[in-house]
Amino acid sequence: MITLKIDVTKIQKDLLFIGKAKADGSQPKYLDCILFENKNGTGQYGDTHFIVQGVSKAAREAGQKGPIIGNATIEIQEQPPRRTTNKIPRAQPQEDDPFAAEGGDIPW
C-alpha cells in the first residue's frame, strides 16, 4: 500500500498542464509528481519517500527543481504465494484405432 500526503498549497499552478480534450468537452489539468526515497531512511512520521512537483525538461536542464509538496509511505505487505495450476490439456482418446485393421496390435 502506498499512502500520499500532499500539501496542495505548495503546488505551483504554473507547472500544471492541460491535457487533450475529452469526448464530453472537458479538459483535464495534470500535475506531474516525482517520488524520491528518503536518503536518511524513515522520517519522523513514518514517511519513506517525499513528493516533488515535476518541472519541464527544459526547466530541469536549466537547473530548476520542483517544490517538495508532500510525503509518502510505502508499506510492503507480505502476500501468500499464489497457487498455480498446470493447465496442460489432457490427451483426447482417439476414436479411430489406426491398427484395428491389423488385429489391434502394434505392427512391430
PDB file of N, CA and C in Angstrom:
ATOM      1  N   MET A   1       0.850  -1.160   0.000  1.00  0.00           N
ATOM      2  CA  MET A   1       0.000   0.000   0.000  1.00  0.00           C
ATOM      3  C   MET A   1       0.902   1.231   0.000  1.00  0.00           C
ATOM      4  N   ILE A   2       0.508   2.226  -0.778  1.00  0.00           N
ATOM      5  CA  ILE A   2       1.228   3.489  -0.840  1.00  0.00           C
ATOM      6  C   ILE A   2       0.289   4.586  -0.367  1.00  0.00           C
ATOM      7  N   THR A   3       0.727   5.357   0.628  1.00  0.00           N
ATOM      8  CA  THR A   3      -0.060   6.452   1.165  1.00  0.00           C
ATOM      9  C   THR A   3       0.647   7.760   0.856  1.00  0.00           C
ATOM     10  N   LEU A   4      -0.075   8.714   0.258  1.00  0.00           N
ATOM     11  CA  LEU A   4       0.493  10.021  -0.082  1.00  0.00           C
ATOM     12  C   LEU A   4      -0.188  11.110   0.724  1.00  0.00           C
ATOM     13  N   LYS A   5       0.593  12.087   1.143  1.00  0.00           N
ATOM     14  CA  LYS A   5       0.057  13.273   1.783  1.00  0.00           C
ATOM     15  C   LYS A   5       0.659  14.463   1.047  1.00  0.00           C
ATOM     16  N   ILE A   6      -0.202  15.207   0.354  1.00  0.00           N
ATOM     17  CA  ILE A   6       0.251  16.338  -0.460  1.00  0.00           C
ATOM     18  C   ILE A   6      -0.299  17.623   0.126  1.00  0.00           C
ATOM     19  N   ASP A   7       0.591  18.596   0.328  1.00  0.00           N
ATOM     20  CA  ASP A   7       0.192  19.929   0.767  1.00  0.00           C
ATOM     21  C   ASP A   7      -0.160  20.715  -0.499  1.00  0.00           C
ATOM     22  N   VAL A   8      -1.433  20.810  -0.799  1.00  0.00           N
ATOM     23  CA  VAL A   8      -1.873  21.423  -2.051  1.00  0.00           C
ATOM     24  C   VAL A   8      -1.537  22.910  -2.123  1.00  0.00           C
ATOM     25  N   THR A   9      -1.253  23.545  -0.985  1.00  0.00           N
ATOM     26  CA  THR A   9      -0.875  24.964  -1.016  1.00  0.00           C
ATOM     27  C   THR A   9       0.519  25.160  -1.594  1.00  0.00           C
ATOM     28  N   LYS A  10       1.313  24.089  -1.658  1.00  0.00           N
ATOM     29  CA  LYS A  10       2.673  24.181  -2.203  1.00  0.00           C
ATOM     30  C   LYS A  10       2.733  23.881  -3.698  1.00  0.00           C
ATOM     31  N   ILE A  11       1.622  23.467  -4.294  1.00  0.00           N
ATOM     32  CA  ILE A  11       1.596  23.167  -5.730  1.00  0.00           C
ATOM     33  C   ILE A  11       1.727  24.472  -6.504  1.00  0.00           C
ATOM     34  N   GLN A  12       2.691  24.506  -7.413  1.00  0.00           N
ATOM     35  CA  GLN A  12       2.860  25.689  -8.273  1.00  0.00           C
ATOM     36  C   GLN A  12       1.937  25.538  -9.467  1.00  0.00           C
ATOM     37  N   LYS A  13       0.929  26.378  -9.535  1.00  0.00           N
ATOM     38  CA  LYS A  13      -0.089  26.258 -10.575  1.00  0.00           C
ATOM     39  C   LYS A  13       0.476  26.482 -11.972  1.00  0.00           C
ATOM     40  N   ASP A  14       1.551  27.238 -12.098  1.00  0.00           N
ATOM     41  CA  ASP A  14       2.136  27.464 -13.419  1.00  0.00           C
ATOM     42  C   ASP A  14       2.786  26.202 -13.981  1.00  0.00           C
ATOM     43  N   LEU A  15       3.000  25.179 -13.135  1.00  0.00           N
ATOM     44  CA  LEU A  15       3.579  23.916 -13.601  1.00  0.00           C
ATOM     45  C   LEU A  15       2.514  22.893 -14.002  1.00  0.00           C
ATOM     46  N   LEU A  16       1.245  23.192 -13.739  1.00  0.00           N
ATOM     47  CA  LEU A  16       0.165  22.311 -14.175  1.00  0.00           C
ATOM     48  C   LEU A  16       0.048  22.410 -15.686  1.00  0.00           C
ATOM     49  N   PHE A  17      -0.401  21.356 -16.323  1.00  0.00           N
ATOM     50  CA  PHE A  17      -0.572  21.419 -17.778  1.00  0.00           C
ATOM     51  C   PHE A  17      -1.912  20.830 -18.174  1.00  0.00           C
ATOM     52  N   ILE A  18      -2.427  21.327 -19.279  1.00  0.00           N
ATOM     53  CA  ILE A  18      -3.741  20.922 -19.768  1.00  0.00           C
ATOM     54  C   ILE A  18      -3.584  19.769 -20.735  1.00  0.00           C
ATOM     55  N   GLY A  19      -4.409  18.766 -20.533  1.00  0.00           N
ATOM     56  CA  GLY A  19      -4.378  17.587 -21.384  1.00  0.00           C
ATOM     57  C   GLY A  19      -5.303  17.732 -22.571  1.00  0.00           C
ATOM     58  N   LYS A  20      -5.368  16.682 -23.347  1.00  0.00           N
ATOM     59  CA  LYS A  20      -6.210  16.624 -24.536  1.00  0.00           C
ATOM     60  C   LYS A  20      -7.687  16.645 -24.137  1.00  0.00           C
ATOM     61  N   ALA A  21      -8.485  17.385 -24.882  1.00  0.00           N
ATOM     62  CA  ALA A  21      -9.919  17.488 -24.600  1.00  0.00           C
ATOM     63  C   ALA A  21     -10.572  16.114 -24.710  1.00  0.00           C
ATOM     64  N   LYS A  22     -11.471  15.844 -23.774  1.00  0.00           N
ATOM     65  CA  LYS A  22     -12.188  14.565 -23.765  1.00  0.00           C
ATOM     66  C   LYS A  22     -13.422  14.666 -24.651  1.00  0.00           C
ATOM     67  N   ALA A  23     -14.047  13.535 -24.897  1.00  0.00           N
ATOM     68  CA  ALA A  23     -15.227  13.478 -25.755  1.00  0.00           C
ATOM     69  C   ALA A  23     -16.377  14.321 -25.209  1.00  0.00           C
ATOM     70  N   ASP A  24     -16.454  14.458 -23.878  1.00  0.00           N
ATOM     71  CA  ASP A  24     -17.534  15.247 -23.294  1.00  0.00           C
ATOM     72  C   ASP A  24     -17.236  16.748 -23.274  1.00  0.00           C
ATOM     73  N   GLY A  25     -16.087  17.148 -23.821  1.00  0.00           N
ATOM     74  CA  GLY A  25     -15.731  18.560 -23.905  1.00  0.00           C
ATOM     75  C   GLY A  25     -14.882  19.068 -22.751  1.00  0.00           C
ATOM     76  N   SER A  26     -14.727  18.264 -21.704  1.00  0.00           N
ATOM     77  CA  SER A  26     -13.913  18.710 -20.574  1.00  0.00           C
ATOM     78  C   SER A  26     -12.434  18.598 -20.903  1.00  0.00           C
ATOM     79  N   GLN A  27     -11.639  19.461 -20.240  1.00  0.00           N
ATOM     80  CA  GLN A  27     -10.196  19.427 -20.448  1.00  0.00           C
ATOM     81  C   GLN A  27      -9.522  19.164 -19.110  1.00  0.00           C
ATOM     82  N   PRO A  28      -8.843  18.036 -18.994  1.00  0.00           N
ATOM     83  CA  PRO A  28      -8.189  17.707 -17.724  1.00  0.00           C
ATOM     84  C   PRO A  28      -6.944  18.563 -17.502  1.00  0.00           C
ATOM     85  N   LYS A  29      -6.666  18.864 -16.238  1.00  0.00           N
ATOM     86  CA  LYS A  29      -5.441  19.550 -15.843  1.00  0.00           C
ATOM     87  C   LYS A  29      -4.610  18.546 -15.070  1.00  0.00           C
ATOM     88  N   TYR A  30      -3.348  18.454 -15.410  1.00  0.00           N
ATOM     89  CA  TYR A  30      -2.491  17.447 -14.804  1.00  0.00           C
ATOM     90  C   TYR A  30      -1.399  18.062 -13.946  1.00  0.00           C
ATOM     91  N   LEU A  31      -1.017  17.313 -12.927  1.00  0.00           N
ATOM     92  CA  LEU A  31       0.079  17.646 -12.028  1.00  0.00           C
ATOM     93  C   LEU A  31       1.076  16.501 -12.105  1.00  0.00           C
ATOM     94  N   ASP A  32       2.285  16.782 -12.536  1.00  0.00           N
ATOM     95  CA  ASP A  32       3.325  15.752 -12.544  1.00  0.00           C
ATOM     96  C   ASP A  32       3.993  15.727 -11.182  1.00  0.00           C
ATOM     97  N   CYS A  33       4.137  14.532 -10.637  1.00  0.00           N
ATOM     98  CA  CYS A  33       4.800  14.353  -9.350  1.00  0.00           C
ATOM     99  C   CYS A  33       5.891  13.303  -9.498  1.00  0.00           C
ATOM    100  N   ILE A  34       6.930  13.465  -8.689  1.00  0.00           N
ATOM    101  CA  ILE A  34       8.028  12.510  -8.673  1.00  0.00           C
ATOM    102  C   ILE A  34       8.205  12.062  -7.230  1.00  0.00           C
ATOM    103  N   LEU A  35       8.370  10.770  -7.040  1.00  0.00           N
ATOM    104  CA  LEU A  35       8.536  10.195  -5.716  1.00  0.00           C
ATOM    105  C   LEU A  35      10.010   9.848  -5.530  1.00  0.00           C
ATOM    106  N   PHE A  36      10.623  10.388  -4.469  1.00  0.00           N
ATOM    107  CA  PHE A  36      12.021  10.102  -4.154  1.00  0.00           C
ATOM    108  C   PHE A  36      12.097   9.414  -2.805  1.00  0.00           C
ATOM    109  N   GLU A  37      12.970   8.427  -2.714  1.00  0.00           N
ATOM    110  CA  GLU A  37      13.165   7.740  -1.453  1.00  0.00           C
ATOM    111  C   GLU A  37      13.967   8.633  -0.507  1.00  0.00           C
ATOM    112  N   ASN A  38      13.584   8.642   0.768  1.00  0.00           N
ATOM    113  CA  ASN A  38      14.332   9.410   1.763  1.00  0.00           C
ATOM    114  C   ASN A  38      15.742   8.851   1.874  1.00  0.00           C
ATOM    115  N   LYS A  39      16.749   9.712   1.775  1.00  0.00           N
ATOM    116  CA  LYS A  39      18.136   9.254   1.863  1.00  0.00           C
ATOM    117  C   LYS A  39      18.498   8.815   3.277  1.00  0.00           C
ATOM    118  N   ASN A  40      17.845   9.416   4.275  1.00  0.00           N
ATOM    119  CA  ASN A  40      18.171   9.113   5.669  1.00  0.00           C
ATOM    120  C   ASN A  40      17.215   8.105   6.292  1.00  0.00           C
ATOM    121  N   GLY A  41      16.528   7.338   5.464  1.00  0.00           N
ATOM    122  CA  GLY A  41      15.625   6.326   5.979  1.00  0.00           C
ATOM    123  C   GLY A  41      14.256   6.888   6.320  1.00  0.00           C
ATOM    124  N   THR A  42      13.538   6.190   7.166  1.00  0.00           N
ATOM    125  CA  THR A  42      12.185   6.567   7.534  1.00  0.00           C
ATOM    126  C   THR A  42      12.182   7.854   8.349  1.00  0.00           C
ATOM    127  N   GLY A  43      11.249   8.753   7.998  1.00  0.00           N
ATOM    128  CA  GLY A  43      11.148  10.038   8.680  1.00  0.00           C
ATOM    129  C   GLY A  43      10.442   9.947  10.016  1.00  0.00           C
ATOM    130  N   GLN A  44      10.331  11.088  10.664  1.00  0.00           N
ATOM    131  CA  GLN A  44       9.736  11.199  11.997  1.00  0.00           C
ATOM    132  C   GLN A  44       8.315  10.645  12.060  1.00  0.00           C
ATOM    133  N   TYR A  45       7.545  10.802  10.974  1.00  0.00           N
ATOM    134  CA  TYR A  45       6.154  10.367  10.966  1.00  0.00           C
ATOM    135  C   TYR A  45       5.940   9.076  10.179  1.00  0.00           C
ATOM    136  N   GLY A  46       7.003   8.333   9.941  1.00  0.00           N
ATOM    137  CA  GLY A  46       6.894   7.056   9.244  1.00  0.00           C
ATOM    138  C   GLY A  46       6.975   7.161   7.733  1.00  0.00           C
ATOM    139  N   ASP A  47       7.220   8.369   7.208  1.00  0.00           N
ATOM    140  CA  ASP A  47       7.293   8.535   5.755  1.00  0.00           C
ATOM    141  C   ASP A  47       8.601   7.955   5.234  1.00  0.00           C
ATOM    142  N   THR A  48       8.512   7.289   4.099  1.00  0.00           N
ATOM    143  CA  THR A  48       9.680   6.641   3.486  1.00  0.00           C
ATOM    144  C   THR A  48      10.147   7.363   2.231  1.00  0.00           C
ATOM    145  N   HIS A  49       9.285   8.257   1.701  1.00  0.00           N
ATOM    146  CA  HIS A  49       9.580   8.973   0.459  1.00  0.00           C
ATOM    147  C   HIS A  49       9.081  10.410   0.570  1.00  0.00           C
ATOM    148  N   PHE A  50       9.562  11.262  -0.324  1.00  0.00           N
ATOM    149  CA  PHE A  50       9.000  12.599  -0.417  1.00  0.00           C
ATOM    150  C   PHE A  50       8.563  12.844  -1.848  1.00  0.00           C
ATOM    151  N   ILE A  51       7.604  13.760  -2.010  1.00  0.00           N
ATOM    152  CA  ILE A  51       6.985  14.018  -3.311  1.00  0.00           C
ATOM    153  C   ILE A  51       7.425  15.390  -3.794  1.00  0.00           C
ATOM    154  N   VAL A  52       7.905  15.430  -5.029  1.00  0.00           N
ATOM    155  CA  VAL A  52       8.338  16.679  -5.650  1.00  0.00           C
ATOM    156  C   VAL A  52       7.471  16.933  -6.873  1.00  0.00           C
ATOM    157  N   GLN A  53       7.059  18.172  -7.051  1.00  0.00           N
ATOM    158  CA  GLN A  53       6.302  18.523  -8.248  1.00  0.00           C
ATOM    159  C   GLN A  53       7.258  18.536  -9.430  1.00  0.00           C
ATOM    160  N   GLY A  54       6.854  17.885 -10.506  1.00  0.00           N
ATOM    161  CA  GLY A  54       7.695  17.801 -11.694  1.00  0.00           C
ATOM    162  C   GLY A  54       7.745  19.115 -12.449  1.00  0.00           C
ATOM    163  N   VAL A  55       8.873  19.359 -13.105  1.00  0.00           N
ATOM    164  CA  VAL A  55       9.035  20.532 -13.967  1.00  0.00           C
ATOM    165  C   VAL A  55       9.338  20.050 -15.377  1.00  0.00           C
ATOM    166  N   SER A  56       9.250  20.943 -16.339  1.00  0.00           N
ATOM    167  CA  SER A  56       9.502  20.559 -17.735  1.00  0.00           C
ATOM    168  C   SER A  56      10.968  20.171 -17.931  1.00  0.00           C
ATOM    169  N   LYS A  57      11.245  19.482 -19.001  1.00  0.00           N
ATOM    170  CA  LYS A  57      12.612  19.050 -19.308  1.00  0.00           C
ATOM    171  C   LYS A  57      13.520  20.259 -19.472  1.00  0.00           C
ATOM    172  N   ALA A  58      13.025  21.281 -20.156  1.00  0.00           N
ATOM    173  CA  ALA A  58      13.833  22.496 -20.359  1.00  0.00           C
ATOM    174  C   ALA A  58      14.160  23.155 -19.023  1.00  0.00           C
ATOM    175  N   ALA A  59      13.181  23.191 -18.119  1.00  0.00           N
ATOM    176  CA  ALA A  59      13.414  23.791 -16.805  1.00  0.00           C
ATOM    177  C   ALA A  59      14.424  22.970 -16.006  1.00  0.00           C
ATOM    178  N   ARG A  60      14.329  21.636 -16.097  1.00  0.00           N
ATOM    179  CA  ARG A  60      15.306  20.774 -15.405  1.00  0.00           C
ATOM    180  C   ARG A  60      16.702  21.018 -15.930  1.00  0.00           C
ATOM    181  N   GLU A  61      16.819  21.128 -17.251  1.00  0.00           N
ATOM    182  CA  GLU A  61      18.132  21.350 -17.854  1.00  0.00           C
ATOM    183  C   GLU A  61      18.698  22.711 -17.470  1.00  0.00           C
ATOM    184  N   ALA A  62      17.828  23.657 -17.165  1.00  0.00           N
ATOM    185  CA  ALA A  62      18.267  24.988 -16.726  1.00  0.00           C
ATOM    186  C   ALA A  62      18.568  25.018 -15.233  1.00  0.00           C
ATOM    187  N   GLY A  63      18.382  23.866 -14.553  1.00  0.00           N
ATOM    188  CA  GLY A  63      18.706  23.770 -13.137  1.00  0.00           C
ATOM    189  C   GLY A  63      17.537  24.001 -12.194  1.00  0.00           C
ATOM    190  N   GLN A  64      16.347  24.209 -12.732  1.00  0.00           N
ATOM    191  CA  GLN A  64      15.180  24.431 -11.877  1.00  0.00           C
ATOM    192  C   GLN A  64      14.720  23.110 -11.273  1.00  0.00           C
ATOM    193  N   LYS A  65      14.352  23.163 -10.009  1.00  0.00           N
ATOM    194  CA  LYS A  65      13.821  21.990  -9.329  1.00  0.00           C
ATOM    195  C   LYS A  65      12.403  22.294  -8.892  1.00  0.00           C
ATOM    196  N   GLY A  66      11.559  21.277  -8.897  1.00  0.00           N
ATOM    197  CA  GLY A  66      10.195  21.439  -8.431  1.00  0.00           C
ATOM    198  C   GLY A  66      10.159  21.489  -6.912  1.00  0.00           C
ATOM    199  N   PRO A  67       9.110  22.083  -6.356  1.00  0.00           N
ATOM    200  CA  PRO A  67       8.998  22.156  -4.903  1.00  0.00           C
ATOM    201  C   PRO A  67       8.624  20.808  -4.288  1.00  0.00           C
ATOM    202  N   ILE A  68       9.060  20.589  -3.062  1.00  0.00           N
ATOM    203  CA  ILE A  68       8.627  19.412  -2.312  1.00  0.00           C
ATOM    204  C   ILE A  68       7.209  19.701  -1.853  1.00  0.00           C
ATOM    205  N   ILE A  69       6.279  18.851  -2.252  1.00  0.00           N
ATOM    206  CA  ILE A  69       4.867  19.117  -1.960  1.00  0.00           C
ATOM    207  C   ILE A  69       4.250  18.109  -0.999  1.00  0.00           C
ATOM    208  N   GLY A  70       5.018  17.130  -0.546  1.00  0.00           N
ATOM    209  CA  GLY A  70       4.442  16.179   0.387  1.00  0.00           C
ATOM    210  C   GLY A  70       5.350  15.004   0.680  1.00  0.00           C
ATOM    211  N   ASN A  71       4.760  14.035   1.380  1.00  0.00           N
ATOM    212  CA  ASN A  71       5.472  12.825   1.786  1.00  0.00           C
ATOM    213  C   ASN A  71       4.657  11.605   1.419  1.00  0.00           C
ATOM    214  N   ALA A  72       5.332  10.481   1.395  1.00  0.00           N
ATOM    215  CA  ALA A  72       4.662   9.220   1.076  1.00  0.00           C
ATOM    216  C   ALA A  72       5.204   8.116   1.962  1.00  0.00           C
ATOM    217  N   THR A  73       4.350   7.140   2.209  1.00  0.00           N
ATOM    218  CA  THR A  73       4.746   5.959   2.962  1.00  0.00           C
ATOM    219  C   THR A  73       4.412   4.742   2.110  1.00  0.00           C
ATOM    220  N   ILE A  74       5.403   3.921   1.903  1.00  0.00           N
ATOM    221  CA  ILE A  74       5.201   2.689   1.154  1.00  0.00           C
ATOM    222  C   ILE A  74       5.324   1.536   2.131  1.00  0.00           C
ATOM    223  N   GLU A  75       4.245   0.808   2.305  1.00  0.00           N
ATOM    224  CA  GLU A  75       4.225  -0.350   3.187  1.00  0.00           C
ATOM    225  C   GLU A  75       4.170  -1.596   2.330  1.00  0.00           C
ATOM    226  N   ILE A  76       5.177  -2.407   2.464  1.00  0.00           N
ATOM    227  CA  ILE A  76       5.217  -3.654   1.699  1.00  0.00           C
ATOM    228  C   ILE A  76       4.530  -4.716   2.534  1.00  0.00           C
ATOM    229  N   GLN A  77       3.468  -5.257   1.999  1.00  0.00           N
ATOM    230  CA  GLN A  77       2.709  -6.279   2.704  1.00  0.00           C
ATOM    231  C   GLN A  77       3.081  -7.635   2.142  1.00  0.00           C
ATOM    232  N   GLU A  78       3.388  -8.537   3.057  1.00  0.00           N
ATOM    233  CA  GLU A  78       3.700  -9.898   2.635  1.00  0.00           C
ATOM    234  C   GLU A  78       2.425 -10.552   2.125  1.00  0.00           C
ATOM    235  N   GLN A  79       2.481 -11.079   0.942  1.00  0.00           N
ATOM    236  CA  GLN A  79       1.334 -11.767   0.378  1.00  0.00           C
ATOM    237  C   GLN A  79       1.654 -13.256   0.285  1.00  0.00           C
ATOM    238  N   PRO A  80       0.684 -14.085   0.614  1.00  0.00           N
ATOM    239  CA  PRO A  80       0.947 -15.521   0.482  1.00  0.00           C
ATOM    240  C   PRO A  80       1.218 -15.858  -0.975  1.00  0.00           C
ATOM    241  N   PRO A  81       2.065 -16.849  -1.212  1.00  0.00           N
ATOM    242  CA  PRO A  81       2.345 -17.216  -2.600  1.00  0.00           C
ATOM    243  C   PRO A  81       1.068 -17.618  -3.324  1.00  0.00           C
ATOM    244  N   ARG A  82       0.984 -17.203  -4.546  1.00  0.00           N
ATOM    245  CA  ARG A  82      -0.192 -17.546  -5.351  1.00  0.00           C
ATOM    246  C   ARG A  82      -0.161 -19.014  -5.727  1.00  0.00           C
ATOM    247  N   ARG A  83      -1.308 -19.612  -5.672  1.00  0.00           N
ATOM    248  CA  ARG A  83      -1.422 -21.015  -6.054  1.00  0.00           C
ATOM    249  C   ARG A  83      -1.512 -21.092  -7.559  1.00  0.00           C
ATOM    250  N   THR A  84      -0.630 -21.850  -8.143  1.00  0.00           N
ATOM    251  CA  THR A  84      -0.652 -22.001  -9.592  1.00  0.00           C
ATOM    252  C   THR A  84      -1.184 -23.379  -9.945  1.00  0.00           C
ATOM    253  N   THR A  85      -1.817 -23.434 -11.046  1.00  0.00           N
ATOM    254  CA  THR A  85      -2.306 -24.716 -11.538  1.00  0.00           C
ATOM    255  C   THR A  85      -1.737 -24.945 -12.917  1.00  0.00           C
ATOM    256  N   ASN A  86      -1.444 -26.176 -13.193  1.00  0.00           N
ATOM    257  CA  ASN A  86      -0.956 -26.516 -14.526  1.00  0.00           C
ATOM    258  C   ASN A  86      -2.157 -26.731 -15.426  1.00  0.00           C
ATOM    259  N   LYS A  87      -2.278 -25.921 -16.404  1.00  0.00           N
ATOM    260  CA  LYS A  87      -3.402 -26.055 -17.327  1.00  0.00           C
ATOM    261  C   LYS A  87      -2.927 -26.707 -18.620  1.00  0.00           C
ATOM    262  N   ILE A  88      -2.443 -27.912 -18.451  1.00  0.00           N
ATOM    263  CA  ILE A  88      -1.970 -28.675 -19.609  1.00  0.00           C
ATOM    264  C   ILE A  88      -3.146 -29.486 -20.127  1.00  0.00           C
ATOM    265  N   PRO A  89      -3.466 -29.313 -21.395  1.00  0.00           N
ATOM    266  CA  PRO A  89      -4.615 -30.069 -21.912  1.00  0.00           C
ATOM    267  C   PRO A  89      -4.333 -31.568 -21.881  1.00  0.00           C
ATOM    268  N   ARG A  90      -5.333 -32.313 -21.516  1.00  0.00           N
ATOM    269  CA  ARG A  90      -5.192 -33.759 -21.491  1.00  0.00           C
ATOM    270  C   ARG A  90      -5.330 -34.320 -22.898  1.00  0.00           C
ATOM    271  N   ALA A  91      -4.632 -35.421 -23.129  1.00  0.00           N
ATOM    272  CA  ALA A  91      -4.719 -36.069 -24.441  1.00  0.00           C
ATOM    273  C   ALA A  91      -6.126 -36.622 -24.623  1.00  0.00           C
ATOM    274  N   GLN A  92      -6.682 -36.383 -25.775  1.00  0.00           N
ATOM    275  CA  GLN A  92      -8.033 -36.867 -26.084  1.00  0.00           C
ATOM    276  C   GLN A  92      -7.928 -38.281 -26.661  1.00  0.00           C
ATOM    277  N   PRO A  93      -8.806 -39.157 -26.230  1.00  0.00           N
ATOM    278  CA  PRO A  93      -8.762 -40.513 -26.785  1.00  0.00           C
ATOM    279  C   PRO A  93      -9.109 -40.479 -28.275  1.00  0.00           C
ATOM    280  N   GLN A  94      -8.391 -41.296 -29.008  1.00  0.00           N
ATOM    281  CA  GLN A  94      -8.643 -41.350 -30.445  1.00  0.00           C
ATOM    282  C   GLN A  94      -9.833 -42.267 -30.712  1.00  0.00           C
ATOM    283  N   GLU A  95     -10.677 -41.807 -31.561  1.00  0.00           N
ATOM    284  CA  GLU A  95     -11.858 -42.622 -31.894  1.00  0.00           C
ATOM    285  C   GLU A  95     -11.500 -43.741 -32.858  1.00  0.00           C
ATOM    286  N   ASP A  96     -10.613 -43.453 -33.776  1.00  0.00           N
ATOM    287  CA  ASP A  96     -10.235 -44.470 -34.758  1.00  0.00           C
ATOM    288  C   ASP A  96      -8.888 -45.060 -34.352  1.00  0.00           C
ATOM    289  N   ASP A  97      -8.848 -46.383 -34.211  1.00  0.00           N
ATOM    290  CA  ASP A  97      -7.607 -47.061 -33.897  1.00  0.00           C
ATOM    291  C   ASP A  97      -6.898 -47.358 -35.206  1.00  0.00           C
ATOM    292  N   PRO A  98      -5.707 -46.744 -35.424  1.00  0.00           N
ATOM    293  CA  PRO A  98      -5.021 -46.959 -36.712  1.00  0.00           C
ATOM    294  C   PRO A  98      -4.593 -48.403 -36.932  1.00  0.00           C
ATOM    295  N   PHE A  99      -4.530 -49.225 -35.879  1.00  0.00           N
ATOM    296  CA  PHE A  99      -4.089 -50.595 -36.028  1.00  0.00           C
ATOM    297  C   PHE A  99      -5.236 -51.603 -35.959  1.00  0.00           C
ATOM    298  N   ALA A 100      -6.461 -51.119 -35.954  1.00  0.00           N
ATOM    299  CA  ALA A 100      -7.630 -52.013 -35.852  1.00  0.00           C
ATOM    300  C   ALA A 100      -7.673 -52.990 -37.017  1.00  0.00           C
ATOM    301  N   ALA A 101      -7.289 -52.560 -38.204  1.00  0.00           N
ATOM    302  CA  ALA A 101      -7.337 -53.425 -39.389  1.00  0.00           C
ATOM    303  C   ALA A 101      -6.331 -54.569 -39.267  1.00  0.00           C
ATOM    304  N   GLU A 102      -5.311 -54.416 -38.422  1.00  0.00           N
ATOM    305  CA  GLU A 102      -4.270 -55.440 -38.287  1.00  0.00           C
ATOM    306  C   GLU A 102      -4.441 -56.231 -36.996  1.00  0.00           C
ATOM    307  N   GLY A 103      -5.626 -56.249 -36.469  1.00  0.00           N
ATOM    308  CA  GLY A 103      -5.872 -57.036 -35.259  1.00  0.00           C
ATOM    309  C   GLY A 103      -5.675 -56.260 -33.977  1.00  0.00           C
ATOM    310  N   GLY A 104      -5.452 -54.975 -34.064  1.00  0.00           N
ATOM    311  CA  GLY A 104      -5.320 -54.148 -32.874  1.00  0.00           C
ATOM    312  C   GLY A 104      -3.939 -54.158 -32.260  1.00  0.00           C
ATOM    313  N   ASP A 105      -2.999 -54.939 -32.817  1.00  0.00           N
ATOM    314  CA  ASP A 105      -1.669 -54.991 -32.245  1.00  0.00           C
ATOM    315  C   ASP A 105      -0.760 -54.009 -32.949  1.00  0.00           C
ATOM    316  N   ILE A 106       0.290 -53.648 -32.260  1.00  0.00           N
ATOM    317  CA  ILE A 106       1.313 -52.797 -32.877  1.00  0.00           C
ATOM    318  C   ILE A 106       2.057 -53.648 -33.887  1.00  0.00           C
ATOM    319  N   PRO A 107       2.306 -53.131 -35.090  1.00  0.00           N
ATOM    320  CA  PRO A 107       2.840 -53.951 -36.188  1.00  0.00           C
ATOM    321  C   PRO A 107       4.286 -54.365 -36.039  1.00  0.00           C
ATOM    322  N   TRP A 108       5.014 -54.023 -35.059  1.00  0.00           N
ATOM    323  CA  TRP A 108       6.407 -54.468 -34.983  1.00  0.00           C
ATOM    324  C   TRP A 108       6.673 -55.363 -33.865  1.00  0.00           C
TER     325      TRP A 108
END
